N, C-alpha and C. Protein backbone atom coordinates (compact mmCIF):
# COMPACT_ATOMS: atom_id res chain seq x y z
N MET A 1 91.72 123.96 80.67
CA MET A 1 92.67 123.06 80.00
C MET A 1 93.35 122.17 81.04
N PRO A 2 93.64 120.92 80.67
CA PRO A 2 94.31 120.01 81.61
C PRO A 2 95.68 120.52 82.02
N GLY A 3 95.99 120.42 83.30
CA GLY A 3 97.31 120.78 83.79
C GLY A 3 98.16 119.54 84.01
N ASN A 4 99.23 119.71 84.76
CA ASN A 4 100.12 118.58 85.02
C ASN A 4 100.03 118.10 86.46
N GLN A 5 99.04 118.58 87.22
CA GLN A 5 98.90 118.17 88.60
C GLN A 5 98.02 116.92 88.71
N VAL A 6 98.53 115.92 89.42
CA VAL A 6 97.81 114.66 89.59
C VAL A 6 97.68 114.36 91.08
N VAL A 7 96.45 114.29 91.57
CA VAL A 7 96.20 113.93 92.96
C VAL A 7 96.27 112.41 93.09
N LEU A 8 97.11 111.93 94.00
CA LEU A 8 97.35 110.49 94.17
C LEU A 8 96.72 110.02 95.48
N ILE A 9 95.81 109.05 95.39
CA ILE A 9 95.08 108.56 96.56
C ILE A 9 95.49 107.12 96.84
N HIS A 10 95.99 106.88 98.05
CA HIS A 10 96.47 105.55 98.44
C HIS A 10 95.31 104.61 98.76
N GLY A 11 95.65 103.36 99.05
CA GLY A 11 94.65 102.34 99.30
C GLY A 11 94.42 102.03 100.77
N PHE A 12 93.69 100.95 101.00
CA PHE A 12 93.29 100.52 102.35
C PHE A 12 94.50 100.25 103.24
N ALA A 13 94.44 100.78 104.46
CA ALA A 13 95.46 100.56 105.49
C ALA A 13 96.84 101.05 105.06
N LYS A 14 96.89 101.98 104.13
CA LYS A 14 98.15 102.57 103.69
C LYS A 14 98.16 104.07 103.99
N ASN A 15 99.23 104.75 103.60
CA ASN A 15 99.27 106.21 103.68
C ASN A 15 99.95 106.75 102.43
N SER A 16 100.16 108.04 102.39
CA SER A 16 100.66 108.66 101.18
C SER A 16 102.04 108.15 100.76
N GLN A 17 102.82 107.63 101.71
CA GLN A 17 104.15 107.13 101.38
C GLN A 17 104.09 105.97 100.39
N ASP A 18 102.99 105.24 100.40
CA ASP A 18 102.84 104.11 99.49
C ASP A 18 102.74 104.58 98.04
N MET A 19 102.42 105.85 97.83
CA MET A 19 102.28 106.38 96.47
C MET A 19 103.52 107.14 96.01
N LEU A 20 104.56 107.15 96.84
CA LEU A 20 105.79 107.86 96.46
C LEU A 20 106.41 107.33 95.16
N PRO A 21 106.51 106.01 94.96
CA PRO A 21 107.09 105.54 93.70
C PRO A 21 106.31 106.03 92.48
N LEU A 22 104.97 106.07 92.60
CA LEU A 22 104.17 106.56 91.48
C LEU A 22 104.39 108.05 91.30
N GLN A 23 104.48 108.79 92.39
CA GLN A 23 104.77 110.22 92.29
C GLN A 23 106.10 110.45 91.57
N ASN A 24 107.11 109.67 91.92
CA ASN A 24 108.43 109.82 91.30
C ASN A 24 108.38 109.46 89.81
N ASN A 25 107.68 108.37 89.49
CA ASN A 25 107.60 107.95 88.09
C ASN A 25 106.83 108.96 87.25
N LEU A 26 105.76 109.52 87.81
CA LEU A 26 105.00 110.53 87.07
C LEU A 26 105.81 111.81 86.90
N GLN A 27 106.65 112.11 87.88
CA GLN A 27 107.51 113.30 87.77
C GLN A 27 108.45 113.16 86.58
N LEU A 28 108.95 111.94 86.35
CA LEU A 28 109.82 111.70 85.20
C LEU A 28 109.09 111.98 83.88
N LEU A 29 107.75 111.89 83.93
CA LEU A 29 106.94 112.08 82.73
C LEU A 29 106.36 113.49 82.66
N GLY A 30 106.77 114.35 83.59
CA GLY A 30 106.37 115.74 83.52
C GLY A 30 105.20 116.16 84.38
N TYR A 31 104.80 115.30 85.34
CA TYR A 31 103.66 115.61 86.18
C TYR A 31 104.09 115.99 87.60
N GLN A 32 103.25 116.73 88.26
CA GLN A 32 103.42 117.03 89.68
C GLN A 32 102.41 116.19 90.46
N GLY A 33 102.91 115.17 91.14
CA GLY A 33 102.04 114.30 91.93
C GLY A 33 101.77 114.91 93.30
N ILE A 34 100.50 114.97 93.67
CA ILE A 34 100.10 115.53 94.96
C ILE A 34 99.68 114.39 95.88
N LEU A 35 100.44 114.20 96.95
CA LEU A 35 100.18 113.11 97.89
C LEU A 35 99.22 113.57 98.98
N ILE A 36 98.27 112.69 99.33
CA ILE A 36 97.28 113.01 100.36
C ILE A 36 97.12 111.81 101.29
N ASN A 37 97.06 112.08 102.59
CA ASN A 37 96.81 111.03 103.57
C ASN A 37 95.32 110.99 103.92
N LEU A 38 94.73 109.82 103.86
CA LEU A 38 93.34 109.64 104.24
C LEU A 38 93.22 108.48 105.24
N PRO A 39 92.26 108.52 106.15
CA PRO A 39 92.10 107.47 107.16
C PRO A 39 91.37 106.25 106.62
N LEU A 40 92.02 105.53 105.71
CA LEU A 40 91.38 104.41 105.03
C LEU A 40 91.64 103.08 105.74
N THR A 41 91.34 103.06 107.04
CA THR A 41 91.41 101.82 107.81
C THR A 41 90.21 101.73 108.75
N PHE A 42 90.11 102.67 109.66
CA PHE A 42 89.09 102.58 110.71
C PHE A 42 87.88 103.47 110.48
N LYS A 43 87.88 104.24 109.40
CA LYS A 43 86.76 105.12 109.08
C LYS A 43 86.05 104.61 107.83
N PRO A 44 84.73 104.80 107.72
CA PRO A 44 84.03 104.40 106.50
C PRO A 44 84.49 105.23 105.32
N LEU A 45 84.27 104.72 104.14
CA LEU A 45 84.71 105.38 102.92
C LEU A 45 84.17 106.81 102.82
N GLU A 46 82.94 107.01 103.24
CA GLU A 46 82.30 108.32 103.13
C GLU A 46 83.07 109.39 103.91
N TYR A 47 83.70 108.99 104.99
CA TYR A 47 84.47 109.94 105.79
C TYR A 47 85.65 110.48 104.98
N SER A 48 86.35 109.59 104.29
CA SER A 48 87.50 110.01 103.49
C SER A 48 87.06 110.82 102.28
N VAL A 49 85.89 110.51 101.73
CA VAL A 49 85.36 111.30 100.62
C VAL A 49 85.14 112.75 101.06
N GLY A 50 84.53 112.93 102.23
CA GLY A 50 84.31 114.27 102.74
C GLY A 50 85.61 114.98 103.08
N LEU A 51 86.56 114.22 103.63
CA LEU A 51 87.85 114.81 103.98
C LEU A 51 88.60 115.25 102.74
N LEU A 52 88.50 114.48 101.67
CA LEU A 52 89.18 114.85 100.43
C LEU A 52 88.66 116.18 99.91
N GLU A 53 87.36 116.40 100.02
CA GLU A 53 86.78 117.68 99.59
C GLU A 53 87.40 118.83 100.38
N THR A 54 87.55 118.63 101.68
CA THR A 54 88.13 119.67 102.53
C THR A 54 89.59 119.92 102.18
N VAL A 55 90.35 118.83 101.98
CA VAL A 55 91.78 118.95 101.69
C VAL A 55 92.02 119.65 100.35
N LEU A 56 91.18 119.37 99.36
CA LEU A 56 91.39 119.92 98.02
C LEU A 56 90.72 121.28 97.82
N ASP A 57 89.95 121.71 98.78
CA ASP A 57 89.16 122.93 98.61
C ASP A 57 90.01 124.14 98.21
N ASP A 58 91.06 124.39 98.95
CA ASP A 58 91.89 125.56 98.68
C ASP A 58 92.56 125.47 97.32
N LYS A 59 93.11 124.28 97.01
CA LYS A 59 93.82 124.10 95.74
C LYS A 59 92.88 124.28 94.55
N LEU A 60 91.71 123.65 94.60
CA LEU A 60 90.82 123.68 93.45
C LEU A 60 90.12 125.03 93.29
N SER A 61 89.84 125.67 94.40
CA SER A 61 89.17 126.98 94.30
C SER A 61 90.11 128.04 93.75
N ASN A 62 91.42 127.78 93.76
CA ASN A 62 92.39 128.75 93.29
C ASN A 62 93.05 128.37 91.96
N LEU A 63 92.52 127.34 91.30
CA LEU A 63 93.05 127.00 89.98
C LEU A 63 92.79 128.14 89.01
N ALA A 64 93.76 128.41 88.19
CA ALA A 64 93.65 129.53 87.26
C ALA A 64 92.77 129.18 86.06
N GLY A 65 91.79 130.03 85.80
CA GLY A 65 90.98 129.92 84.60
C GLY A 65 90.41 128.53 84.35
N SER A 66 90.74 127.96 83.19
CA SER A 66 90.21 126.65 82.80
C SER A 66 91.14 125.50 83.20
N GLU A 67 92.14 125.77 84.03
CA GLU A 67 93.08 124.73 84.42
C GLU A 67 92.36 123.62 85.20
N LYS A 68 92.77 122.38 84.97
CA LYS A 68 92.16 121.24 85.63
C LYS A 68 93.23 120.31 86.20
N ILE A 69 92.82 119.45 87.13
CA ILE A 69 93.71 118.44 87.70
C ILE A 69 93.29 117.06 87.20
N HIS A 70 94.13 116.08 87.49
CA HIS A 70 93.83 114.68 87.24
C HIS A 70 93.80 113.94 88.58
N LEU A 71 93.20 112.76 88.57
CA LEU A 71 93.10 111.94 89.78
C LEU A 71 93.57 110.52 89.48
N VAL A 72 94.35 109.96 90.39
CA VAL A 72 94.76 108.55 90.29
C VAL A 72 94.60 107.92 91.67
N GLY A 73 93.90 106.80 91.74
CA GLY A 73 93.72 106.11 93.00
C GLY A 73 94.10 104.66 92.91
N HIS A 74 94.82 104.19 93.92
CA HIS A 74 95.17 102.77 93.98
C HIS A 74 94.19 102.05 94.89
N SER A 75 93.63 100.95 94.42
CA SER A 75 92.75 100.10 95.22
C SER A 75 91.58 100.90 95.80
N THR A 76 91.46 100.96 97.13
CA THR A 76 90.37 101.70 97.77
C THR A 76 90.41 103.17 97.39
N GLY A 77 91.59 103.69 97.09
CA GLY A 77 91.70 105.08 96.66
C GLY A 77 90.87 105.38 95.43
N GLY A 78 90.71 104.39 94.56
CA GLY A 78 89.86 104.58 93.38
C GLY A 78 88.40 104.74 93.75
N LEU A 79 87.96 104.03 94.79
CA LEU A 79 86.58 104.18 95.25
C LEU A 79 86.37 105.54 95.90
N VAL A 80 87.40 106.05 96.59
CA VAL A 80 87.32 107.41 97.13
C VAL A 80 87.12 108.40 95.99
N ILE A 81 87.85 108.22 94.91
CA ILE A 81 87.71 109.10 93.74
C ILE A 81 86.29 109.05 93.20
N ARG A 82 85.74 107.85 93.06
CA ARG A 82 84.37 107.73 92.54
C ARG A 82 83.38 108.39 93.48
N GLY A 83 83.54 108.16 94.78
CA GLY A 83 82.64 108.78 95.74
C GLY A 83 82.75 110.29 95.75
N TRP A 84 83.98 110.78 95.62
CA TRP A 84 84.21 112.23 95.63
C TRP A 84 83.64 112.89 94.38
N LEU A 85 83.84 112.27 93.23
CA LEU A 85 83.31 112.84 91.98
C LEU A 85 81.79 112.91 92.00
N ALA A 86 81.16 112.01 92.76
CA ALA A 86 79.70 111.99 92.82
C ALA A 86 79.14 113.10 93.70
N THR A 87 79.98 113.70 94.55
CA THR A 87 79.47 114.66 95.53
C THR A 87 80.14 116.03 95.47
N THR A 88 81.31 116.14 94.85
CA THR A 88 82.07 117.38 94.92
C THR A 88 81.45 118.52 94.11
N LYS A 89 81.72 119.73 94.56
CA LYS A 89 81.32 120.91 93.80
C LYS A 89 82.39 121.29 92.78
N TYR A 90 83.48 120.53 92.76
CA TYR A 90 84.61 120.85 91.88
C TYR A 90 84.76 119.88 90.70
N LYS A 91 83.69 119.20 90.34
CA LYS A 91 83.81 118.22 89.26
C LYS A 91 84.32 118.85 87.96
N ASP A 92 83.95 120.11 87.73
CA ASP A 92 84.39 120.77 86.50
C ASP A 92 85.87 121.14 86.53
N LYS A 93 86.53 120.91 87.67
CA LYS A 93 87.97 121.16 87.80
C LYS A 93 88.79 119.89 87.57
N VAL A 94 88.14 118.80 87.20
CA VAL A 94 88.83 117.52 86.99
C VAL A 94 88.78 117.14 85.52
N ASP A 95 89.92 116.77 84.97
CA ASP A 95 89.96 116.36 83.57
C ASP A 95 89.73 114.86 83.43
N LYS A 96 90.65 114.04 83.97
CA LYS A 96 90.54 112.59 83.83
C LYS A 96 90.98 111.92 85.12
N GLY A 97 90.63 110.64 85.24
CA GLY A 97 91.04 109.86 86.40
C GLY A 97 91.40 108.44 86.01
N VAL A 98 92.32 107.84 86.76
CA VAL A 98 92.72 106.45 86.53
C VAL A 98 92.58 105.68 87.84
N LEU A 99 91.92 104.53 87.76
CA LEU A 99 91.70 103.66 88.91
C LEU A 99 92.60 102.45 88.78
N LEU A 100 93.50 102.26 89.75
CA LEU A 100 94.46 101.16 89.70
C LEU A 100 94.06 100.05 90.67
N ALA A 101 93.80 98.87 90.14
CA ALA A 101 93.46 97.71 90.98
C ALA A 101 92.34 98.03 91.96
N THR A 102 91.38 98.82 91.51
CA THR A 102 90.26 99.24 92.35
C THR A 102 89.12 98.23 92.28
N PRO A 103 88.59 97.79 93.42
CA PRO A 103 87.47 96.84 93.41
C PRO A 103 86.16 97.54 93.07
N ASN A 104 86.00 97.90 91.82
CA ASN A 104 84.85 98.71 91.39
C ASN A 104 83.52 98.00 91.52
N GLN A 105 83.54 96.69 91.65
CA GLN A 105 82.31 95.94 91.88
C GLN A 105 82.32 95.28 93.26
N GLY A 106 83.21 95.74 94.12
CA GLY A 106 83.29 95.21 95.48
C GLY A 106 84.42 94.20 95.63
N SER A 107 84.87 94.04 96.86
CA SER A 107 85.97 93.12 97.17
C SER A 107 85.44 91.79 97.69
N GLN A 108 85.75 90.72 96.99
CA GLN A 108 85.34 89.39 97.45
C GLN A 108 85.98 89.06 98.79
N LEU A 109 87.20 89.52 99.01
CA LEU A 109 87.86 89.25 100.29
C LEU A 109 87.16 89.99 101.42
N ALA A 110 86.69 91.20 101.17
CA ALA A 110 85.93 91.93 102.18
C ALA A 110 84.61 91.24 102.46
N ASP A 111 83.99 90.67 101.42
CA ASP A 111 82.76 89.90 101.61
C ASP A 111 83.02 88.69 102.50
N MET A 112 84.13 87.99 102.24
CA MET A 112 84.49 86.82 103.04
C MET A 112 84.73 87.20 104.49
N ALA A 113 85.41 88.33 104.69
CA ALA A 113 85.67 88.79 106.05
C ALA A 113 84.38 89.07 106.79
N GLY A 114 83.40 89.62 106.08
CA GLY A 114 82.12 89.90 106.70
C GLY A 114 81.39 88.65 107.13
N ARG A 115 81.57 87.58 106.37
CA ARG A 115 80.89 86.33 106.70
C ARG A 115 81.64 85.54 107.77
N CYS A 116 82.96 85.50 107.67
CA CYS A 116 83.76 84.62 108.53
C CYS A 116 84.36 85.32 109.74
N LEU A 117 84.65 86.61 109.60
CA LEU A 117 85.28 87.38 110.69
C LEU A 117 84.54 88.70 110.87
N PRO A 118 83.27 88.65 111.28
CA PRO A 118 82.45 89.87 111.30
C PRO A 118 83.00 90.99 112.18
N LEU A 119 83.82 90.64 113.18
CA LEU A 119 84.38 91.69 114.03
C LEU A 119 85.41 92.53 113.28
N LEU A 120 86.04 91.95 112.26
CA LEU A 120 87.08 92.68 111.52
C LEU A 120 86.51 93.87 110.76
N PRO A 121 85.49 93.70 109.92
CA PRO A 121 84.93 94.87 109.25
C PRO A 121 84.20 95.81 110.21
N ALA A 122 83.74 95.28 111.35
CA ALA A 122 83.11 96.15 112.35
C ALA A 122 84.15 97.10 112.95
N LEU A 123 85.39 96.62 113.08
CA LEU A 123 86.47 97.45 113.60
C LEU A 123 87.08 98.30 112.49
N CYS A 124 87.44 97.65 111.40
CA CYS A 124 88.05 98.35 110.25
C CYS A 124 86.92 98.77 109.30
N LYS A 125 86.34 99.90 109.57
CA LYS A 125 85.12 100.30 108.87
C LYS A 125 85.35 100.54 107.37
N THR A 126 86.58 100.86 106.99
CA THR A 126 86.87 100.98 105.55
C THR A 126 86.69 99.64 104.87
N LEU A 127 87.07 98.56 105.55
CA LEU A 127 86.90 97.22 104.99
C LEU A 127 85.43 96.93 104.75
N ALA A 128 84.58 97.33 105.68
CA ALA A 128 83.14 97.15 105.49
C ALA A 128 82.65 97.90 104.25
N SER A 129 83.25 99.07 104.00
CA SER A 129 82.87 99.88 102.83
C SER A 129 83.25 99.21 101.52
N LEU A 130 84.15 98.23 101.58
CA LEU A 130 84.60 97.53 100.37
C LEU A 130 83.72 96.34 100.02
N GLN A 131 82.80 95.99 100.89
CA GLN A 131 81.92 94.86 100.61
C GLN A 131 81.03 95.18 99.41
N SER A 132 80.73 94.15 98.65
CA SER A 132 80.07 94.34 97.35
C SER A 132 78.79 95.15 97.42
N GLU A 133 77.96 94.88 98.39
CA GLU A 133 76.69 95.60 98.47
C GLU A 133 76.89 97.08 98.73
N ARG A 134 77.94 97.42 99.47
CA ARG A 134 78.21 98.84 99.74
C ARG A 134 78.78 99.53 98.50
N VAL A 135 79.70 98.85 97.82
CA VAL A 135 80.32 99.46 96.63
C VAL A 135 79.30 99.69 95.53
N LYS A 136 78.32 98.80 95.43
CA LYS A 136 77.30 98.94 94.40
C LYS A 136 76.44 100.18 94.59
N GLN A 137 76.50 100.79 95.76
CA GLN A 137 75.75 102.01 96.02
C GLN A 137 76.42 103.25 95.41
N LEU A 138 77.69 103.12 95.02
CA LEU A 138 78.39 104.23 94.38
C LEU A 138 77.85 104.44 92.96
N PRO A 139 77.70 105.69 92.53
CA PRO A 139 77.26 105.93 91.15
C PRO A 139 78.26 105.35 90.16
N PRO A 140 77.78 104.78 89.06
CA PRO A 140 78.69 104.23 88.04
C PRO A 140 79.43 105.35 87.31
N PRO A 141 80.52 105.02 86.63
CA PRO A 141 81.29 106.03 85.90
C PRO A 141 80.46 106.85 84.91
N THR A 142 79.41 106.25 84.36
CA THR A 142 78.58 106.95 83.38
C THR A 142 77.88 108.16 83.98
N GLU A 143 77.76 108.23 85.31
CA GLU A 143 77.06 109.34 85.95
C GLU A 143 78.01 110.40 86.51
N LEU A 144 79.31 110.26 86.26
CA LEU A 144 80.28 111.13 86.91
C LEU A 144 80.80 112.26 86.02
N SER A 145 80.53 112.22 84.73
CA SER A 145 80.92 113.30 83.80
C SER A 145 82.42 113.54 83.74
N VAL A 146 83.20 112.56 84.14
CA VAL A 146 84.66 112.63 84.06
C VAL A 146 85.15 111.33 83.43
N GLU A 147 86.06 111.43 82.48
CA GLU A 147 86.57 110.22 81.83
C GLU A 147 87.44 109.44 82.81
N LEU A 148 87.08 108.18 83.02
CA LEU A 148 87.82 107.30 83.92
C LEU A 148 88.34 106.08 83.17
N GLY A 149 89.60 105.75 83.40
CA GLY A 149 90.17 104.50 82.90
C GLY A 149 90.57 103.64 84.09
N ALA A 150 90.68 102.35 83.88
CA ALA A 150 91.06 101.45 84.98
C ALA A 150 92.11 100.45 84.51
N ILE A 151 93.05 100.16 85.41
CA ILE A 151 94.09 99.18 85.15
C ILE A 151 94.02 98.10 86.23
N ALA A 152 93.94 96.85 85.80
CA ALA A 152 93.91 95.72 86.73
C ALA A 152 95.21 94.95 86.64
N GLY A 153 95.57 94.28 87.72
CA GLY A 153 96.71 93.36 87.71
C GLY A 153 96.22 91.93 87.70
N ASN A 154 97.03 91.02 87.19
CA ASN A 154 96.62 89.61 87.18
C ASN A 154 97.72 88.68 87.67
N ASN A 155 98.69 89.22 88.44
CA ASN A 155 99.73 88.38 89.02
C ASN A 155 99.34 88.06 90.46
N ASN A 156 98.76 86.90 90.65
CA ASN A 156 98.29 86.48 91.97
C ASN A 156 99.47 85.99 92.79
N ASN A 157 100.19 86.92 93.41
CA ASN A 157 101.41 86.59 94.16
C ASN A 157 101.26 86.80 95.66
N LEU A 158 100.00 86.84 96.14
CA LEU A 158 99.73 87.03 97.57
C LEU A 158 98.88 85.89 98.10
N LEU A 159 99.07 85.54 99.33
CA LEU A 159 98.41 84.37 99.91
C LEU A 159 96.89 84.47 99.85
N LEU A 160 96.34 85.64 100.20
CA LEU A 160 94.88 85.78 100.20
C LEU A 160 94.29 85.64 98.81
N GLY A 161 95.09 85.92 97.80
CA GLY A 161 94.61 85.77 96.44
C GLY A 161 94.26 84.34 96.08
N LYS A 162 94.82 83.38 96.81
CA LYS A 162 94.52 81.97 96.54
C LYS A 162 93.08 81.64 96.90
N LEU A 163 92.44 82.49 97.70
CA LEU A 163 91.05 82.28 98.06
C LEU A 163 90.09 82.69 96.94
N LEU A 164 90.61 83.42 95.97
CA LEU A 164 89.79 83.91 94.87
C LEU A 164 89.88 82.96 93.68
N LYS A 165 88.76 82.58 93.14
CA LYS A 165 88.73 81.60 92.05
C LYS A 165 89.02 82.25 90.69
N GLU A 166 88.70 83.51 90.55
CA GLU A 166 88.88 84.18 89.27
C GLU A 166 90.28 84.80 89.17
N GLU A 167 90.64 85.19 87.97
CA GLU A 167 91.91 85.88 87.73
C GLU A 167 92.00 87.11 88.62
N ASN A 168 93.12 87.26 89.33
CA ASN A 168 93.23 88.36 90.28
C ASN A 168 94.69 88.76 90.50
N ASP A 169 94.88 89.83 91.27
CA ASP A 169 96.22 90.35 91.55
C ASP A 169 96.70 90.01 92.96
N GLY A 170 96.01 89.07 93.61
CA GLY A 170 96.34 88.72 94.98
C GLY A 170 95.41 89.37 95.99
N ARG A 171 94.62 90.34 95.55
CA ARG A 171 93.65 91.03 96.41
C ARG A 171 92.31 91.27 95.71
N VAL A 172 92.38 91.67 94.44
CA VAL A 172 91.19 92.08 93.71
C VAL A 172 91.12 91.33 92.38
N THR A 173 89.94 90.85 92.02
CA THR A 173 89.80 90.14 90.75
C THR A 173 89.80 91.14 89.60
N VAL A 174 90.23 90.67 88.46
CA VAL A 174 90.24 91.52 87.27
C VAL A 174 88.83 91.99 86.93
N GLU A 175 87.85 91.11 87.07
CA GLU A 175 86.48 91.46 86.72
C GLU A 175 85.88 92.47 87.68
N SER A 176 86.38 92.54 88.91
CA SER A 176 85.88 93.54 89.83
C SER A 176 86.40 94.93 89.47
N VAL A 177 87.59 94.99 88.89
CA VAL A 177 88.14 96.27 88.45
C VAL A 177 87.37 96.79 87.24
N ARG A 178 86.98 95.89 86.37
CA ARG A 178 86.25 96.27 85.16
C ARG A 178 84.80 96.63 85.51
N ILE A 179 84.34 97.75 85.01
CA ILE A 179 82.98 98.20 85.29
C ILE A 179 82.47 98.98 84.09
N PRO A 180 81.20 98.82 83.74
CA PRO A 180 80.65 99.57 82.60
C PRO A 180 80.82 101.08 82.78
N GLY A 181 81.11 101.75 81.69
CA GLY A 181 81.24 103.20 81.70
C GLY A 181 82.67 103.69 81.71
N LEU A 182 83.64 102.78 81.84
CA LEU A 182 85.04 103.18 81.78
C LEU A 182 85.39 103.61 80.36
N LYS A 183 86.22 104.62 80.24
CA LYS A 183 86.66 105.06 78.92
C LYS A 183 87.60 104.04 78.30
N ASP A 184 88.43 103.38 79.14
CA ASP A 184 89.33 102.34 78.67
C ASP A 184 89.71 101.45 79.85
N PHE A 185 90.16 100.25 79.52
CA PHE A 185 90.52 99.25 80.54
C PHE A 185 91.75 98.49 80.08
N MET A 186 92.64 98.18 81.02
CA MET A 186 93.89 97.51 80.69
C MET A 186 94.26 96.54 81.80
N THR A 187 94.89 95.44 81.45
CA THR A 187 95.41 94.48 82.44
C THR A 187 96.92 94.40 82.31
N LEU A 188 97.61 94.44 83.46
CA LEU A 188 99.06 94.33 83.51
C LEU A 188 99.47 93.14 84.36
N PRO A 189 100.63 92.55 84.09
CA PRO A 189 101.06 91.34 84.82
C PRO A 189 101.72 91.66 86.16
N PHE A 190 101.04 92.42 86.99
CA PHE A 190 101.59 92.83 88.29
C PHE A 190 100.64 92.45 89.41
N GLY A 191 101.19 92.37 90.63
CA GLY A 191 100.40 92.09 91.81
C GLY A 191 99.85 93.37 92.42
N HIS A 192 98.95 93.19 93.37
CA HIS A 192 98.23 94.33 93.96
C HIS A 192 99.17 95.31 94.65
N GLN A 193 100.19 94.82 95.29
CA GLN A 193 101.07 95.68 96.08
C GLN A 193 102.18 96.33 95.27
N GLU A 194 102.25 96.01 93.98
CA GLU A 194 103.33 96.56 93.16
C GLU A 194 102.85 97.32 91.93
N ILE A 195 101.60 97.12 91.54
CA ILE A 195 101.14 97.66 90.26
C ILE A 195 101.28 99.18 90.19
N HIS A 196 101.06 99.87 91.30
CA HIS A 196 101.13 101.33 91.30
C HIS A 196 102.56 101.85 91.43
N LYS A 197 103.51 100.93 91.58
CA LYS A 197 104.90 101.34 91.77
C LYS A 197 105.76 101.10 90.53
N LYS A 198 105.15 100.61 89.48
CA LYS A 198 105.87 100.27 88.26
C LYS A 198 105.88 101.43 87.26
N LEU A 199 107.01 101.63 86.61
CA LEU A 199 107.12 102.68 85.60
C LEU A 199 106.15 102.43 84.45
N GLU A 200 105.96 101.17 84.08
CA GLU A 200 105.03 100.86 82.99
C GLU A 200 103.62 101.36 83.31
N THR A 201 103.23 101.23 84.57
CA THR A 201 101.91 101.73 84.97
C THR A 201 101.84 103.24 84.82
N ALA A 202 102.88 103.94 85.26
CA ALA A 202 102.92 105.39 85.13
C ALA A 202 102.86 105.82 83.67
N GLN A 203 103.51 105.07 82.80
CA GLN A 203 103.50 105.40 81.38
C GLN A 203 102.09 105.24 80.79
N LEU A 204 101.37 104.22 81.25
CA LEU A 204 99.99 104.03 80.79
C LEU A 204 99.09 105.14 81.32
N ILE A 205 99.31 105.54 82.57
CA ILE A 205 98.55 106.65 83.13
C ILE A 205 98.77 107.90 82.29
N ASP A 206 100.03 108.19 81.97
CA ASP A 206 100.36 109.34 81.13
C ASP A 206 99.61 109.28 79.81
N ARG A 207 99.60 108.12 79.19
CA ARG A 207 98.94 107.97 77.89
C ARG A 207 97.44 108.26 78.01
N PHE A 208 96.84 107.75 79.10
CA PHE A 208 95.40 107.97 79.27
C PHE A 208 95.10 109.44 79.55
N LEU A 209 95.90 110.07 80.37
CA LEU A 209 95.66 111.47 80.69
C LEU A 209 95.83 112.37 79.46
N GLN A 210 96.71 111.94 78.56
CA GLN A 210 96.94 112.73 77.34
C GLN A 210 95.92 112.45 76.24
N ARG A 211 95.52 111.16 76.12
CA ARG A 211 94.74 110.75 74.95
C ARG A 211 93.38 110.15 75.26
N GLY A 212 93.15 109.84 76.55
CA GLY A 212 91.88 109.21 76.91
C GLY A 212 91.83 107.73 76.62
N LYS A 213 92.99 107.13 76.37
CA LYS A 213 93.04 105.69 76.14
C LYS A 213 94.44 105.18 76.50
N PHE A 214 94.53 103.91 76.85
CA PHE A 214 95.81 103.33 77.24
C PHE A 214 96.63 102.84 76.06
N ARG A 215 95.97 102.42 75.01
CA ARG A 215 96.67 101.82 73.87
C ARG A 215 97.03 102.87 72.83
C-alpha cells in the first residue's frame, strides 16, 4: 500500500537544499519528504542513477510489507527517476512518481551547448547527459511499470529561455516535458527555478499521488 514517504530529487547543478520548499509544502499535506544529494553537475546521469540505488537500498529493503514510496524529481532529477526505475531491483516498492519541468525529450539548451560550447558539456558531464540523443536512450514511461505524471512550466522568465522558440519555462520547453506514456500532464504558469517551490505544485503532486491524475 502507498505510504507517505516521498523521495525528492533535485536538478542540474543543485543540491538537496533546493528541494526544501517542496519538502515543507508536502509536509503540510501529510507527507514525509526525503532529501537526497546527487552529483548532478560533473558526473554523467548514469552515475547518479547508480548512486540513488545505493542510497535507497537500506530504506527500501526495510519497508514493511506492501508499503511503497513515491518519487518526485525536478528537472534533471526526473531523468534520474526514469533511469533508476529502468534498472532498480526495487521497482515494486514504488507507487507513483511526478516529474517537474523535466526535459523528457532532451534539453534544447544542452544541445546548443554541445554545438557552440563543446568544452562545457565535456566538463559538466551531466549537461551532456541532457542532450536529446542521450535522453532518447532512456526507456519511455510505458516500459517502467510505475505511474508517472509530469508538470511543465510556461513562464519564460530566464534569459536563456529567450533562445528557445517554443513555449518554455526559461530552461525547458513544454513539449520536452510531455512524453507518451505519462498517466497525466499539467502546465503551470511558473518558471523553471520556482515551479518546484510553489504550494500549488505540491497540491497537484498530492492529488496525483492520491488519485493518479492532477485534475
